[in-house]
Amino acid sequence: MTSSPDAPTVLSAHGLFSGYERDLPIVRGVDLAVRQGEFLLLLGPNGAGKSTLVKTIAGLVPVHSGTIDLQGADLTSTHAHERLRRGLAFVPQTENVFTTLSIHENLLVAAQILPRAERSRRIGALYQMFPDLERLKALRAGQLSGGQRQMLAVARALIVEPAVLILDEPSAGLAPKVVSEVFARLREINATGVTTVLVEQNVKAALAIADRAIVLVEGQVRLEGVARELAQGPELGALFLGAQGRRREARA
């Protein structure tokens, strides 16, 4: 779903500093605005702060200063579970499903956040969206392939019908063919109207499905623009190579 430039901002961060220790911020002064229905890609070299940024937005990393807003509501001081209730869903890179539980049990656990009368309806809707999960619903999540496990993690996040879906490197460890399948499903989900924010190291494949991209270097926004234009320009590679060069010099 290509978001209109006139679409309202659904998720924003202003002057955001965050990290695990107050005197050592990893995210340093980030301003971010995601439009309703947009597919936004967060790129950057290793250690740029991408995962820390999305974990901060999800409520898993402390905010040192700045604000986070979702649909006009200030989320800065709210807990992660409250952000989920308000429509912000996050899929971490690892430990995103319960491997000893079946697919159906994973969805039942995720559905506990919903009113009891809504749980069956939402699980049924997700089975329609992910027919492979319904076919395998009695199988333990630990027996699934990497791609199937990622789709289960995404389905768990969608249980609340979120306004914004954030994913942290869903392609990690997957074969190229499976990556293409996962990315195609993410694009389909975005086309239903779910605003999507994706952290990804598979730059070429991710730029092909995103509307817009932001590049972080050393915890700061260094570049942003239309995804297809960044894919064709020289600036993206220069930022990645420049950051790698600085790290090599620091180790010398």
Protein backbone atom coordinates (compact mmCIF):
# COMPACT_ATOMS: atom_id res chain seq x y z
CA MET A 1 0.00 0.00 0.00
CA THR A 2 1.70 3.19 -1.15
CA SER A 3 0.90 5.84 1.42
CA SER A 4 -0.28 9.23 0.21
CA PRO A 5 1.93 12.22 1.08
CA ASP A 6 -1.23 13.73 2.56
CA ALA A 7 -1.91 10.75 4.84
CA PRO A 8 -1.87 11.60 8.55
CA THR A 9 1.10 10.71 10.71
CA VAL A 10 0.28 7.61 12.76
CA LEU A 11 3.62 7.11 14.57
CA SER A 12 6.25 9.70 15.44
CA ALA A 13 9.31 10.26 17.57
CA HIS A 14 10.80 13.66 18.38
CA GLY A 15 14.29 14.33 19.70
CA LEU A 16 14.58 10.72 20.85
CA PHE A 17 17.59 9.69 22.92
CA SER A 18 17.59 6.15 24.29
CA GLY A 19 19.78 3.24 25.34
CA TYR A 20 20.45 0.78 28.08
CA GLU A 21 22.58 3.23 30.12
CA ARG A 22 21.63 6.88 30.57
CA ASP A 23 25.12 8.25 29.99
CA LEU A 24 25.68 6.08 26.89
CA PRO A 25 22.78 6.73 24.49
CA ILE A 26 22.62 4.51 21.41
CA VAL A 27 19.80 6.42 19.70
CA ARG A 28 20.82 10.07 19.57
CA GLY A 29 18.28 12.72 18.69
CA VAL A 30 16.13 10.82 16.21
CA ASP A 31 13.10 12.47 14.63
CA LEU A 32 10.75 10.06 12.89
CA ALA A 33 7.32 10.35 11.29
CA VAL A 34 5.46 7.41 9.74
CA ARG A 35 2.35 8.06 7.69
CA GLN A 36 -0.80 5.97 7.89
CA GLY A 37 -0.55 2.98 5.56
CA GLU A 38 3.14 3.53 4.86
CA PHE A 39 5.78 0.81 4.56
CA LEU A 40 8.89 2.35 6.14
CA LEU A 41 12.29 0.68 6.04
CA LEU A 42 15.01 1.35 8.63
CA LEU A 43 18.50 0.68 7.32
CA GLY A 44 22.03 1.18 8.57
CA PRO A 45 25.33 -0.61 9.17
CA ASN A 46 25.76 -2.98 12.11
CA GLY A 47 25.67 -1.06 15.38
CA ALA A 48 23.81 1.91 13.89
CA GLY A 49 21.04 1.70 16.50
CA LYS A 50 18.22 0.36 14.32
CA SER A 51 17.08 -2.39 16.68
CA THR A 52 17.50 -0.13 19.69
CA LEU A 53 15.29 2.48 18.03
CA VAL A 54 12.41 0.10 17.33
CA LYS A 55 12.74 -1.53 20.76
CA THR A 56 12.54 1.95 22.28
CA ILE A 57 9.38 2.67 20.31
CA ALA A 58 7.96 -0.68 21.45
CA GLY A 59 8.68 0.16 25.10
CA LEU A 60 11.55 -2.30 25.65
CA VAL A 61 14.45 0.18 25.92
CA PRO A 62 14.41 3.23 28.25
CA VAL A 63 13.84 6.68 26.78
CA HIS A 64 16.37 9.22 28.09
CA SER A 65 14.71 12.21 26.46
CA GLY A 66 12.29 13.00 23.67
CA THR A 67 8.79 11.75 22.92
CA ILE A 68 6.97 8.92 21.14
CA ASP A 69 3.43 9.39 19.82
CA LEU A 70 0.94 6.94 18.34
CA GLN A 71 -2.20 8.28 16.68
CA GLY A 72 -1.87 11.52 18.62
CA ALA A 73 -1.35 9.87 22.03
CA ASP A 74 1.91 10.26 23.97
CA LEU A 75 3.36 6.79 24.59
CA THR A 76 6.72 7.90 26.00
CA SER A 77 6.09 6.77 29.57
CA THR A 78 3.77 3.84 28.89
CA HIS A 79 4.72 0.17 29.31
CA ALA A 80 5.12 -2.20 26.37
CA HIS A 81 1.86 -4.06 27.02
CA GLU A 82 -0.05 -0.77 27.06
CA ARG A 83 1.46 0.21 23.72
CA LEU A 84 0.25 -3.10 22.31
CA ARG A 85 -3.28 -2.40 23.58
CA ARG A 86 -3.15 0.98 21.86
CA GLY A 87 -2.25 -0.55 18.51
CA LEU A 88 1.55 -0.83 18.37
CA ALA A 89 2.68 -4.40 17.65
CA PHE A 90 6.34 -5.48 17.66
CA VAL A 91 7.92 -8.67 16.27
CA PRO A 92 11.45 -9.15 17.70
CA GLN A 93 14.16 -10.87 15.73
CA THR A 94 14.46 -13.83 18.13
CA GLU A 95 12.30 -15.52 20.78
CA ASN A 96 9.16 -14.33 19.03
CA VAL A 97 7.14 -17.55 19.45
CA PHE A 98 6.74 -20.20 22.16
CA THR A 99 8.55 -23.14 20.60
CA THR A 100 7.05 -25.80 22.93
CA LEU A 101 3.47 -24.72 22.18
CA SER A 102 1.49 -25.54 19.06
CA ILE A 103 0.62 -22.90 16.48
CA HIS A 104 -2.91 -22.72 17.83
CA GLU A 105 -1.72 -22.44 21.42
CA ASN A 106 0.63 -19.61 20.43
CA LEU A 107 -2.31 -17.72 18.96
CA LEU A 108 -4.47 -18.43 22.00
CA VAL A 109 -1.80 -17.01 24.29
CA ALA A 110 -1.47 -13.89 22.15
CA ALA A 111 -5.27 -13.51 22.11
CA GLN A 112 -5.47 -13.26 25.89
CA ILE A 113 -5.04 -9.51 25.56
CA LEU A 114 -8.41 -9.35 23.76
CA PRO A 115 -11.90 -9.50 25.25
CA ARG A 116 -12.99 -13.14 25.45
CA ALA A 117 -15.74 -12.67 22.84
CA GLU A 118 -13.18 -11.40 20.29
CA ARG A 119 -10.57 -14.16 20.57
CA SER A 120 -12.09 -16.80 18.32
CA ARG A 121 -12.99 -14.23 15.67
CA ARG A 122 -9.45 -12.89 15.47
CA ILE A 123 -7.81 -16.31 15.39
CA GLY A 124 -10.21 -17.36 12.64
CA ALA A 125 -9.37 -14.23 10.64
CA LEU A 126 -5.66 -14.94 10.99
CA TYR A 127 -6.12 -18.50 9.80
CA GLN A 128 -7.79 -17.09 6.70
CA MET A 129 -4.81 -14.78 6.21
CA PHE A 130 -2.27 -17.56 6.87
CA PRO A 131 -3.83 -20.82 5.62
CA ASP A 132 -0.57 -22.73 6.15
CA LEU A 133 -0.78 -21.98 9.86
CA GLU A 134 -4.30 -23.37 10.03
CA ARG A 135 -3.22 -26.50 8.18
CA LEU A 136 -0.40 -27.03 10.68
CA LYS A 137 -2.11 -25.60 13.76
CA ALA A 138 -1.51 -28.70 15.92
CA LEU A 139 2.25 -28.64 15.19
CA ARG A 140 4.62 -27.27 17.80
CA ALA A 141 6.23 -23.98 16.78
CA GLY A 142 9.67 -25.49 17.36
CA GLN A 143 9.00 -27.91 14.48
CA LEU A 144 8.27 -25.19 11.96
CA SER A 145 10.62 -24.00 9.23
CA GLY A 146 12.20 -20.58 9.63
CA GLY A 147 9.72 -18.94 7.30
CA GLN A 148 6.73 -20.60 8.94
CA ARG A 149 7.95 -19.53 12.36
CA GLN A 150 8.26 -15.93 11.19
CA MET A 151 4.72 -16.01 9.82
CA LEU A 152 3.48 -17.32 13.16
CA ALA A 153 5.31 -14.48 14.92
CA VAL A 154 3.67 -11.98 12.57
CA ALA A 155 0.25 -13.59 13.09
CA ARG A 156 0.69 -13.30 16.87
CA ALA A 157 1.47 -9.60 16.47
CA LEU A 158 -1.57 -9.05 14.24
CA ILE A 159 -3.95 -10.56 16.80
CA VAL A 160 -4.76 -7.06 18.13
CA GLU A 161 -5.42 -5.59 14.65
CA PRO A 162 -2.60 -3.08 15.19
CA ALA A 163 -2.37 0.35 13.64
CA VAL A 164 1.40 -0.12 13.32
CA LEU A 165 3.39 -3.34 12.88
CA ILE A 166 7.13 -3.16 13.62
CA LEU A 167 9.46 -6.00 12.65
CA ASP A 168 13.12 -6.41 13.59
CA GLU A 169 15.05 -8.28 10.86
CA PRO A 170 12.51 -11.00 10.01
CA SER A 171 14.78 -12.34 7.25
CA ALA A 172 17.66 -13.22 9.60
CA GLY A 173 18.84 -16.78 9.02
CA LEU A 174 16.40 -17.49 6.19
CA ALA A 175 17.24 -18.82 2.73
CA PRO A 176 16.86 -16.29 -0.12
CA LYS A 177 13.73 -17.97 -1.52
CA VAL A 178 12.11 -17.92 1.93
CA VAL A 179 13.07 -14.27 2.39
CA SER A 180 11.21 -13.45 -0.83
CA GLU A 181 8.14 -15.29 0.43
CA VAL A 182 8.22 -13.56 3.82
CA PHE A 183 8.68 -10.13 2.25
CA ALA A 184 5.80 -10.77 -0.15
CA ARG A 185 3.53 -11.58 2.78
CA LEU A 186 4.61 -8.45 4.62
CA ARG A 187 3.76 -6.38 1.59
CA GLU A 188 0.35 -8.06 1.39
CA ILE A 189 -0.28 -7.25 5.06
CA ASN A 190 0.71 -3.64 4.48
CA ALA A 191 -1.70 -3.52 1.52
CA THR A 192 -4.57 -4.23 3.93
CA GLY A 193 -3.84 -0.89 5.62
CA VAL A 194 -1.44 -1.92 8.39
CA THR A 195 1.30 0.69 8.69
CA THR A 196 4.58 -1.24 8.63
CA VAL A 197 8.06 -0.41 9.96
CA LEU A 198 10.79 -2.87 9.01
CA VAL A 199 14.37 -3.09 10.28
CA GLU A 200 16.37 -5.09 7.78
CA GLN A 201 19.94 -5.89 6.72
CA ASN A 202 18.85 -7.41 3.39
CA VAL A 203 19.00 -3.98 1.80
CA LYS A 204 18.22 -4.73 -1.85
CA ALA A 205 15.24 -6.99 -1.19
CA ALA A 206 13.80 -4.69 1.47
CA LEU A 207 14.08 -1.56 -0.68
CA ALA A 208 12.06 -3.36 -3.36
CA ILE A 209 8.99 -3.64 -1.08
CA ALA A 210 9.21 -0.42 0.98
CA ASP A 211 7.67 2.96 0.23
CA ARG A 212 10.31 5.01 2.04
CA ALA A 213 13.60 4.34 3.80
CA ILE A 214 15.57 5.95 6.61
CA VAL A 215 19.27 5.28 7.14
CA LEU A 216 20.73 5.41 10.63
CA VAL A 217 24.44 5.79 11.29
CA GLU A 218 25.78 5.94 14.85
CA GLY A 219 22.30 6.43 16.25
CA GLN A 220 21.37 9.36 14.05
CA VAL A 221 19.31 9.77 10.87
CA ARG A 222 21.77 10.41 8.03
CA LEU A 223 19.57 9.86 4.99
CA GLU A 224 15.92 9.37 4.10
CA GLY A 225 13.87 9.26 0.96
CA VAL A 226 11.73 7.25 -1.42
CA ALA A 227 12.94 3.63 -1.32
CA ARG A 228 13.27 3.11 -5.07
CA GLU A 229 15.23 6.36 -5.43
CA LEU A 230 17.65 5.45 -2.64
CA ALA A 231 18.13 2.04 -4.24
CA GLN A 232 19.34 3.72 -7.44
CA GLY A 233 21.50 6.45 -5.87
CA PRO A 234 25.07 6.40 -4.53
CA GLU A 235 24.40 7.88 -1.08
CA LEU A 236 23.25 4.65 0.56
CA GLY A 237 26.39 2.69 -0.25
CA ALA A 238 28.60 5.59 0.76
CA LEU A 239 27.03 5.71 4.23
CA PHE A 240 27.44 1.96 4.76
CA LEU A 241 31.05 1.96 3.54
CA GLY A 242 31.89 5.11 5.50
CA ALA A 243 30.62 3.63 8.74
CA GLN A 244 32.56 0.42 8.16
CA GLY A 245 35.73 2.42 7.48
CA ARG A 246 35.36 4.38 10.72
CA ARG A 247 34.99 1.15 12.69
CA ARG A 248 38.14 -0.27 11.12
CA GLU A 249 40.07 2.89 12.01
CA ALA A 250 38.81 2.72 15.60
CA ARG A 251 40.13 -0.84 15.93
CA ALA A 252 43.52 0.01 14.40
